Amino acid sequence: MRTGSTWTGRRVLVTGAQGFIGSWVAEGLLEEGAEVLVLDRPAAELSRFRLRGLQDRCTPVTADLLDAGSLHAAIEEHGVGAVFHLAASAIVGSAASSPLSTYEVNVRGTWNLLEACRVVSEPPQRIVVASTDKAYGVHEELPYREDHALRPRYPYDVSKACADMIARSYAHTYGLPVAVTRFGNVFGGGDFNFSRLIPGTIRALLEGERPAIRSDGLMQRDFLYADDAVAAYLAVAESLDRPALRGRAWNASIGQPVTVLEVVRELMEIAGAGAEEEPEVRGVGTPHGELPRQWLDCSAIAEHLGWTPAWDLRRGLERTYEWYEQALGRMAALSSAAPRPAAPRR
């Protein structure tokens, strides 16, 4: 815990705490001395939330993002002082195949939560809504800055851009202390969505398989190690104590674009693969629904909030690989219990 932490004793609601990034944020808040409330919903047996014992350290509350009344009652009853809204339908491929449920959760769920925060007798003093770098959409000029227009095209990207704008509208219209985060691709131990690039590649390597790339491997992306993501979330939330910074969006990432192929090769080197070994490149060009180039300008959060990443990509990948290597037994149990995707979405 940081000396003089402003989170000590504060009641904080973290939506999506049972998910990958949410579990990191919930644990970070617990370490800061906060009382963490989570929506009462089941967490997978093989999830970071359970593996870290967070179900025993967080307080469950009965509420549903799609039920505005239950959210209002929970926030009122528990005297919630801060909210981190990370719950979302977050898999790009699933969003494309099931757009209605994606819009329901990501858009309606966000306005339900913000409206509940607005109308309770004592609104939370800090509300952070997780958007994404994908909300920016297609731009010739890169890296993305926070003042770039949002130009999403595909269901997941559009749903997050809608939530992004709704959140900022509550700050500017009603004075609600809201900020939005637009982070790069967060990675770290405990992500069991193996359709994602980094956990999928690591699993293949640990199982002695040659990693497969669905695209041509030349897409450029920006990444952020989970520990740095937690620090950025807390910095953004604490900035809301300054009224002049409310209603803003903040970028955060390592700030160094790399290709998919470079990430996979880096992981292969960490795993000890021979120099002559190469991943299996299965695709040509950029898959439908993906953008060829995305990365972020993070100068604003560094200048105004003092946040900079402590982890570079290589060190973050090494720590992540070590985590999965130690969890190989649990991963094998998951692999036998659930069907694997035909090919990772990369």
Protein backbone atom coordinates (compact mmCIF):
# COMPACT_ATOMS: atom_id res chain seq x y z
CA MET A 1 0.00 0.00 0.00
CA ARG A 2 1.25 3.48 -0.82
CA THR A 3 1.83 5.76 2.16
CA GLY A 4 -1.19 8.00 2.63
CA SER A 5 -3.24 6.18 0.00
CA THR A 6 -6.49 7.97 -0.81
CA TRP A 7 -8.16 4.58 -1.26
CA THR A 8 -7.88 3.43 2.34
CA GLY A 9 -11.35 2.56 3.64
CA ARG A 10 -13.09 3.75 0.46
CA ARG A 11 -15.90 1.57 -0.88
CA VAL A 12 -15.20 0.90 -4.55
CA LEU A 13 -17.42 -0.92 -7.02
CA VAL A 14 -15.49 -2.75 -9.75
CA THR A 15 -17.71 -4.09 -12.53
CA GLY A 16 -16.09 -6.91 -14.47
CA ALA A 17 -13.90 -7.82 -11.49
CA GLN A 18 -14.24 -11.52 -12.32
CA GLY A 19 -12.60 -10.87 -15.69
CA PHE A 20 -8.92 -10.61 -16.52
CA ILE A 21 -8.24 -6.86 -16.27
CA GLY A 22 -10.93 -6.34 -13.66
CA SER A 23 -9.25 -8.86 -11.35
CA TRP A 24 -5.99 -6.94 -11.56
CA VAL A 25 -7.74 -3.66 -10.75
CA ALA A 26 -9.70 -5.20 -7.87
CA GLU A 27 -6.53 -6.66 -6.38
CA GLY A 28 -4.69 -3.36 -6.81
CA LEU A 29 -7.44 -1.53 -4.93
CA LEU A 30 -7.40 -4.10 -2.14
CA GLU A 31 -3.67 -3.54 -1.78
CA GLU A 32 -4.39 0.19 -1.50
CA GLY A 33 -6.70 -0.47 1.44
CA ALA A 34 -10.03 -0.10 -0.36
CA GLU A 35 -13.13 -2.17 0.32
CA VAL A 36 -13.88 -3.67 -3.07
CA LEU A 37 -17.46 -4.44 -4.08
CA VAL A 38 -18.15 -6.69 -7.07
CA LEU A 39 -21.31 -7.66 -8.89
CA ASP A 40 -22.52 -11.01 -7.56
CA ARG A 41 -21.96 -13.25 -10.54
CA PRO A 42 -20.11 -16.55 -10.99
CA ALA A 43 -16.41 -16.57 -11.80
CA ALA A 44 -14.85 -19.42 -13.74
CA GLU A 45 -12.99 -21.92 -11.59
CA LEU A 46 -9.89 -21.32 -13.66
CA SER A 47 -9.87 -17.52 -13.54
CA ARG A 48 -7.43 -15.07 -12.06
CA PHE A 49 -10.21 -13.85 -9.74
CA ARG A 50 -10.38 -17.29 -8.12
CA LEU A 51 -6.71 -18.20 -8.42
CA ARG A 52 -5.81 -15.06 -6.44
CA GLY A 53 -8.52 -15.71 -3.85
CA LEU A 54 -10.30 -12.47 -4.66
CA GLN A 55 -13.73 -14.02 -4.15
CA ASP A 56 -12.90 -14.17 -0.43
CA ARG A 57 -11.53 -10.64 -0.25
CA CYS A 58 -14.21 -8.75 -2.20
CA THR A 59 -17.80 -8.01 -1.14
CA PRO A 60 -20.47 -9.27 -3.58
CA VAL A 61 -23.45 -7.00 -4.26
CA THR A 62 -26.70 -8.04 -5.88
CA ALA A 63 -27.04 -6.00 -9.06
CA ASP A 64 -27.07 -6.43 -12.83
CA LEU A 65 -25.82 -3.99 -15.44
CA LEU A 66 -28.97 -4.54 -17.49
CA ASP A 67 -31.21 -3.75 -14.49
CA ALA A 68 -30.94 -0.05 -13.68
CA GLY A 69 -33.02 -0.35 -10.53
CA SER A 70 -30.75 -2.97 -9.00
CA LEU A 71 -27.69 -0.82 -9.71
CA HIS A 72 -29.28 2.20 -8.04
CA ALA A 73 -30.23 0.14 -5.00
CA ALA A 74 -26.75 -1.38 -4.66
CA ILE A 75 -24.88 1.93 -4.98
CA GLU A 76 -27.27 3.61 -2.53
CA GLU A 77 -27.27 0.80 0.00
CA HIS A 78 -23.52 0.31 0.08
CA GLY A 79 -22.53 3.97 -0.06
CA VAL A 80 -20.23 3.43 -3.05
CA GLY A 81 -17.57 6.13 -3.18
CA ALA A 82 -15.89 5.18 -6.46
CA VAL A 83 -16.65 3.06 -9.52
CA PHE A 84 -14.41 1.33 -12.05
CA HIS A 85 -16.57 0.17 -14.93
CA LEU A 86 -14.67 -2.60 -16.70
CA ALA A 87 -17.47 -5.08 -17.41
CA ALA A 88 -17.90 -5.58 -21.13
CA SER A 89 -18.40 -8.01 -23.95
CA ALA A 90 -14.72 -7.80 -24.84
CA ILE A 91 -13.91 -10.39 -27.52
CA VAL A 92 -13.86 -8.78 -30.95
CA GLY A 93 -14.88 -11.93 -32.83
CA SER A 94 -17.77 -12.65 -30.46
CA ALA A 95 -18.97 -9.07 -30.81
CA ALA A 96 -19.06 -9.41 -34.58
CA SER A 97 -21.09 -12.62 -34.42
CA SER A 98 -23.40 -11.42 -31.60
CA PRO A 99 -23.73 -7.64 -31.99
CA LEU A 100 -27.03 -7.29 -30.12
CA SER A 101 -25.71 -8.73 -26.86
CA THR A 102 -22.54 -6.68 -27.26
CA TYR A 103 -24.50 -3.44 -27.61
CA GLU A 104 -26.73 -4.42 -24.70
CA VAL A 105 -23.85 -5.00 -22.30
CA ASN A 106 -21.38 -2.38 -23.50
CA VAL A 107 -23.78 0.49 -24.23
CA ARG A 108 -26.95 -0.03 -22.23
CA GLY A 109 -24.96 -1.39 -19.29
CA THR A 110 -22.87 1.78 -19.26
CA TRP A 111 -25.77 4.22 -19.30
CA ASN A 112 -27.61 2.22 -16.66
CA LEU A 113 -24.60 2.41 -14.36
CA LEU A 114 -23.96 6.11 -14.96
CA GLU A 115 -27.61 7.00 -14.45
CA ALA A 116 -27.63 5.08 -11.19
CA CYS A 117 -24.54 7.03 -10.09
CA ARG A 118 -26.22 10.30 -11.06
CA VAL A 119 -29.48 9.84 -9.16
CA VAL A 120 -28.32 8.29 -5.89
CA SER A 121 -28.43 10.56 -2.85
CA GLU A 122 -24.61 10.71 -2.65
CA PRO A 123 -23.02 10.12 -6.07
CA PRO A 124 -19.61 8.44 -6.19
CA GLN A 125 -16.70 10.88 -6.23
CA ARG A 126 -14.66 8.95 -8.78
CA ILE A 127 -16.03 7.07 -11.80
CA VAL A 128 -13.75 5.54 -14.42
CA VAL A 129 -15.21 3.98 -17.57
CA ALA A 130 -12.98 1.70 -19.63
CA SER A 131 -13.05 2.47 -23.33
CA THR A 132 -10.40 1.16 -25.76
CA ASP A 133 -7.89 2.30 -28.35
CA LYS A 134 -10.14 0.59 -30.92
CA ALA A 135 -12.72 3.36 -30.42
CA TYR A 136 -10.52 5.65 -32.52
CA GLY A 137 -11.04 3.58 -35.65
CA VAL A 138 -9.24 4.41 -38.87
CA HIS A 139 -6.84 7.37 -38.94
CA GLU A 140 -4.04 8.12 -41.34
CA GLU A 141 -2.26 10.11 -38.64
CA LEU A 142 -0.75 7.98 -35.88
CA PRO A 143 -0.26 7.66 -32.98
CA TYR A 144 -3.78 8.33 -31.72
CA ARG A 145 -4.11 11.38 -29.48
CA GLU A 146 -7.05 11.93 -27.15
CA ASP A 147 -8.33 14.72 -29.42
CA HIS A 148 -8.58 12.40 -32.43
CA ALA A 149 -12.15 11.84 -33.61
CA LEU A 150 -13.73 8.47 -32.78
CA ARG A 151 -14.30 6.63 -36.09
CA PRO A 152 -15.14 3.03 -35.25
CA ARG A 153 -16.57 0.68 -37.88
CA TYR A 154 -17.16 -2.72 -36.26
CA PRO A 155 -19.54 -3.82 -33.47
CA TYR A 156 -17.07 -4.05 -30.57
CA ASP A 157 -15.32 -0.81 -31.52
CA VAL A 158 -18.62 1.01 -32.02
CA SER A 159 -20.06 -0.24 -28.73
CA LYS A 160 -17.04 1.01 -26.80
CA ALA A 161 -17.05 4.36 -28.61
CA CYS A 162 -20.72 4.77 -27.67
CA ALA A 163 -19.96 4.01 -24.02
CA ASP A 164 -17.01 6.41 -24.21
CA MET A 165 -19.18 9.31 -25.43
CA ILE A 166 -22.03 8.53 -23.05
CA ALA A 167 -19.63 8.56 -20.11
CA ARG A 168 -18.14 11.92 -21.03
CA SER A 169 -21.61 13.36 -21.61
CA TYR A 170 -22.48 12.61 -17.98
CA ALA A 171 -19.46 14.59 -16.88
CA HIS A 172 -20.11 17.60 -19.08
CA THR A 173 -23.91 17.69 -18.67
CA TYR A 174 -24.39 16.70 -15.03
CA GLY A 175 -21.00 17.40 -13.50
CA LEU A 176 -20.54 13.73 -12.63
CA PRO A 177 -16.86 13.00 -11.84
CA VAL A 178 -16.24 10.70 -14.81
CA ALA A 179 -13.14 9.92 -16.85
CA VAL A 180 -12.59 7.49 -19.71
CA THR A 181 -9.59 5.26 -20.35
CA ARG A 182 -8.37 4.28 -23.82
CA PHE A 183 -5.62 1.77 -23.22
CA GLY A 184 -3.55 -0.38 -25.52
CA ASN A 185 -3.81 -4.17 -25.50
CA VAL A 186 -3.45 -5.16 -21.83
CA PHE A 187 -1.60 -8.41 -21.18
CA GLY A 188 -0.34 -10.34 -18.18
CA GLY A 189 -0.90 -13.50 -16.20
CA GLY A 190 -4.44 -14.74 -15.77
CA ASP A 191 -5.95 -14.05 -19.20
CA PHE A 192 -7.66 -17.29 -20.17
CA ASN A 193 -9.11 -15.99 -23.43
CA PHE A 194 -6.73 -17.99 -25.58
CA SER A 195 -8.12 -16.45 -28.75
CA ARG A 196 -6.00 -13.43 -27.84
CA LEU A 197 -2.51 -13.10 -29.24
CA ILE A 198 -0.30 -13.37 -26.17
CA PRO A 199 -2.03 -16.06 -24.08
CA GLY A 200 -2.78 -18.09 -27.21
CA THR A 201 0.84 -18.00 -28.34
CA ILE A 202 2.13 -18.88 -24.87
CA ARG A 203 -0.23 -21.85 -24.59
CA ALA A 204 0.90 -23.17 -27.95
CA LEU A 205 4.54 -22.87 -26.93
CA LEU A 206 3.97 -24.57 -23.57
CA GLU A 207 2.19 -27.41 -25.33
CA GLY A 208 5.10 -27.84 -27.73
CA GLU A 209 3.18 -26.53 -30.72
CA ARG A 210 4.25 -24.14 -33.43
CA PRO A 211 2.39 -20.82 -32.88
CA ALA A 212 -0.07 -19.94 -35.65
CA ILE A 213 -0.83 -16.43 -36.87
CA ARG A 214 -4.21 -15.91 -38.53
CA SER A 215 -3.17 -12.73 -40.37
CA ASP A 216 0.02 -12.01 -42.29
CA GLY A 217 1.56 -10.98 -38.97
CA LEU A 218 2.27 -7.41 -40.05
CA MET A 219 -0.51 -5.68 -38.13
CA GLN A 220 0.95 -3.15 -35.69
CA ARG A 221 -0.34 -2.94 -32.14
CA ASP A 222 0.42 -1.20 -28.85
CA PHE A 223 0.54 -3.11 -25.56
CA LEU A 224 0.37 -2.45 -21.82
CA TYR A 225 1.42 -4.77 -19.02
CA ALA A 226 -1.37 -5.35 -16.50
CA ASP A 227 0.53 -3.93 -13.52
CA ASP A 228 1.01 -0.66 -15.41
CA ALA A 229 -2.65 -0.71 -16.42
CA VAL A 230 -3.66 -0.82 -12.73
CA ALA A 231 -1.39 2.12 -11.94
CA ALA A 232 -2.91 4.07 -14.84
CA TYR A 233 -6.48 3.29 -13.72
CA LEU A 234 -5.72 4.53 -10.21
CA ALA A 235 -4.00 7.67 -11.50
CA VAL A 236 -6.98 8.49 -13.73
CA ALA A 237 -9.43 7.91 -10.87
CA GLU A 238 -7.43 10.10 -8.49
CA SER A 239 -7.35 12.88 -11.12
CA LEU A 240 -11.11 13.23 -10.68
CA ASP A 241 -10.50 15.00 -7.38
CA ARG A 242 -9.56 17.93 -9.65
CA PRO A 243 -12.77 19.23 -11.28
CA ALA A 244 -10.86 20.64 -14.26
CA LEU A 245 -9.83 17.11 -15.30
CA ARG A 246 -13.31 15.58 -15.25
CA GLY A 247 -14.86 14.46 -18.51
CA ARG A 248 -11.50 13.67 -20.12
CA ALA A 249 -10.25 10.61 -21.95
CA TRP A 250 -6.76 9.27 -21.25
CA ASN A 251 -4.49 7.08 -23.38
CA ALA A 252 -2.07 4.64 -21.77
CA SER A 253 0.27 2.06 -23.30
CA ILE A 254 3.92 1.17 -23.57
CA GLY A 255 3.98 3.56 -26.51
CA GLN A 256 6.01 1.37 -28.85
CA PRO A 257 4.12 -0.19 -31.77
CA VAL A 258 5.17 -3.70 -32.72
CA THR A 259 3.90 -6.17 -35.28
CA VAL A 260 2.07 -9.35 -34.37
CA LEU A 261 4.96 -11.29 -35.87
CA GLU A 262 7.46 -9.48 -33.62
CA VAL A 263 5.44 -10.32 -30.50
CA VAL A 264 5.21 -14.00 -31.43
CA ARG A 265 8.91 -14.20 -32.24
CA GLU A 266 9.73 -12.50 -28.91
CA LEU A 267 7.69 -15.11 -27.06
CA MET A 268 9.32 -17.92 -29.01
CA GLU A 269 12.73 -16.58 -27.98
CA ILE A 270 11.61 -16.38 -24.33
CA ALA A 271 10.40 -19.99 -24.59
CA GLY A 272 13.78 -21.10 -25.89
CA ALA A 273 12.72 -21.93 -29.43
CA GLY A 274 15.55 -22.38 -31.89
CA ALA A 275 16.61 -19.40 -33.97
CA GLU A 276 15.63 -21.26 -37.13
CA GLU A 277 12.04 -21.84 -35.95
CA GLU A 278 9.30 -19.57 -37.27
CA PRO A 279 5.58 -19.23 -36.47
CA GLU A 280 3.05 -20.55 -38.96
CA VAL A 281 1.67 -17.56 -40.87
CA ARG A 282 -1.75 -18.64 -42.13
CA GLY A 283 -3.24 -15.40 -43.40
CA VAL A 284 -2.81 -12.78 -46.07
CA GLY A 285 -3.31 -9.12 -45.24
CA THR A 286 -5.46 -7.83 -42.38
CA PRO A 287 -8.45 -9.97 -41.28
CA HIS A 288 -11.90 -8.49 -41.76
CA GLY A 289 -12.96 -6.46 -38.74
CA GLU A 290 -9.39 -5.59 -37.74
CA LEU A 291 -7.30 -2.47 -38.36
CA PRO A 292 -3.79 -2.74 -39.77
CA ARG A 293 -2.17 -0.12 -37.51
CA GLN A 294 -3.05 1.11 -34.00
CA TRP A 295 -0.96 2.78 -31.34
CA LEU A 296 -1.24 5.58 -28.81
CA ASP A 297 0.31 8.89 -27.87
CA CYS A 298 0.56 8.79 -24.05
CA SER A 299 2.14 12.20 -23.45
CA ALA A 300 -1.00 13.67 -21.81
CA ILE A 301 -1.21 11.14 -18.97
CA ALA A 302 2.53 11.51 -18.37
CA GLU A 303 2.38 15.31 -18.31
CA HIS A 304 -0.80 15.80 -16.27
CA LEU A 305 -0.95 12.69 -14.06
CA GLY A 306 2.70 11.67 -13.85
CA TRP A 307 2.04 8.15 -15.14
CA THR A 308 4.60 6.36 -17.31
CA PRO A 309 4.92 2.60 -17.90
CA ALA A 310 7.32 0.78 -15.59
CA TRP A 311 7.33 -2.36 -17.76
CA ASP A 312 8.70 -2.58 -21.28
CA LEU A 313 7.31 -5.20 -23.64
CA ARG A 314 10.11 -7.73 -23.25
CA ARG A 315 10.06 -7.72 -19.44
CA GLY A 316 6.26 -7.89 -19.39
CA LEU A 317 6.27 -10.83 -21.80
CA GLU A 318 8.87 -12.64 -19.72
CA ARG A 319 6.82 -12.23 -16.54
CA THR A 320 3.65 -13.30 -18.35
CA TYR A 321 5.30 -16.39 -19.82
CA GLU A 322 6.56 -17.36 -16.36
CA TRP A 323 3.04 -17.05 -14.95
CA TYR A 324 1.55 -19.40 -17.53
CA GLU A 325 4.45 -21.80 -17.25
CA GLN A 326 3.75 -22.15 -13.53
CA ALA A 327 0.02 -22.57 -14.20
CA LEU A 328 0.49 -25.25 -16.87
CA GLY A 329 -1.37 -27.89 -14.88
CA ARG A 330 -4.44 -25.70 -14.49
CA MET A 331 -4.27 -24.70 -18.14
CA ALA A 332 -4.22 -28.36 -19.17
CA ALA A 333 -7.37 -28.94 -17.12
CA LEU A 334 -9.07 -26.01 -18.88
CA SER A 335 -7.92 -27.24 -22.28
CA SER A 336 -9.48 -30.67 -21.72
CA ALA A 337 -12.73 -29.16 -20.45
CA ALA A 338 -13.34 -26.59 -23.19
CA PRO A 339 -13.11 -26.78 -27.01
CA ARG A 340 -10.27 -24.85 -28.54
CA PRO A 341 -10.84 -22.24 -31.26
CA ALA A 342 -9.91 -23.28 -34.77
CA ALA A 343 -7.28 -20.53 -34.98
CA PRO A 344 -6.24 -17.66 -32.71
CA ARG A 345 -7.53 -14.22 -33.66
CA ARG A 346 -4.33 -12.34 -34.39
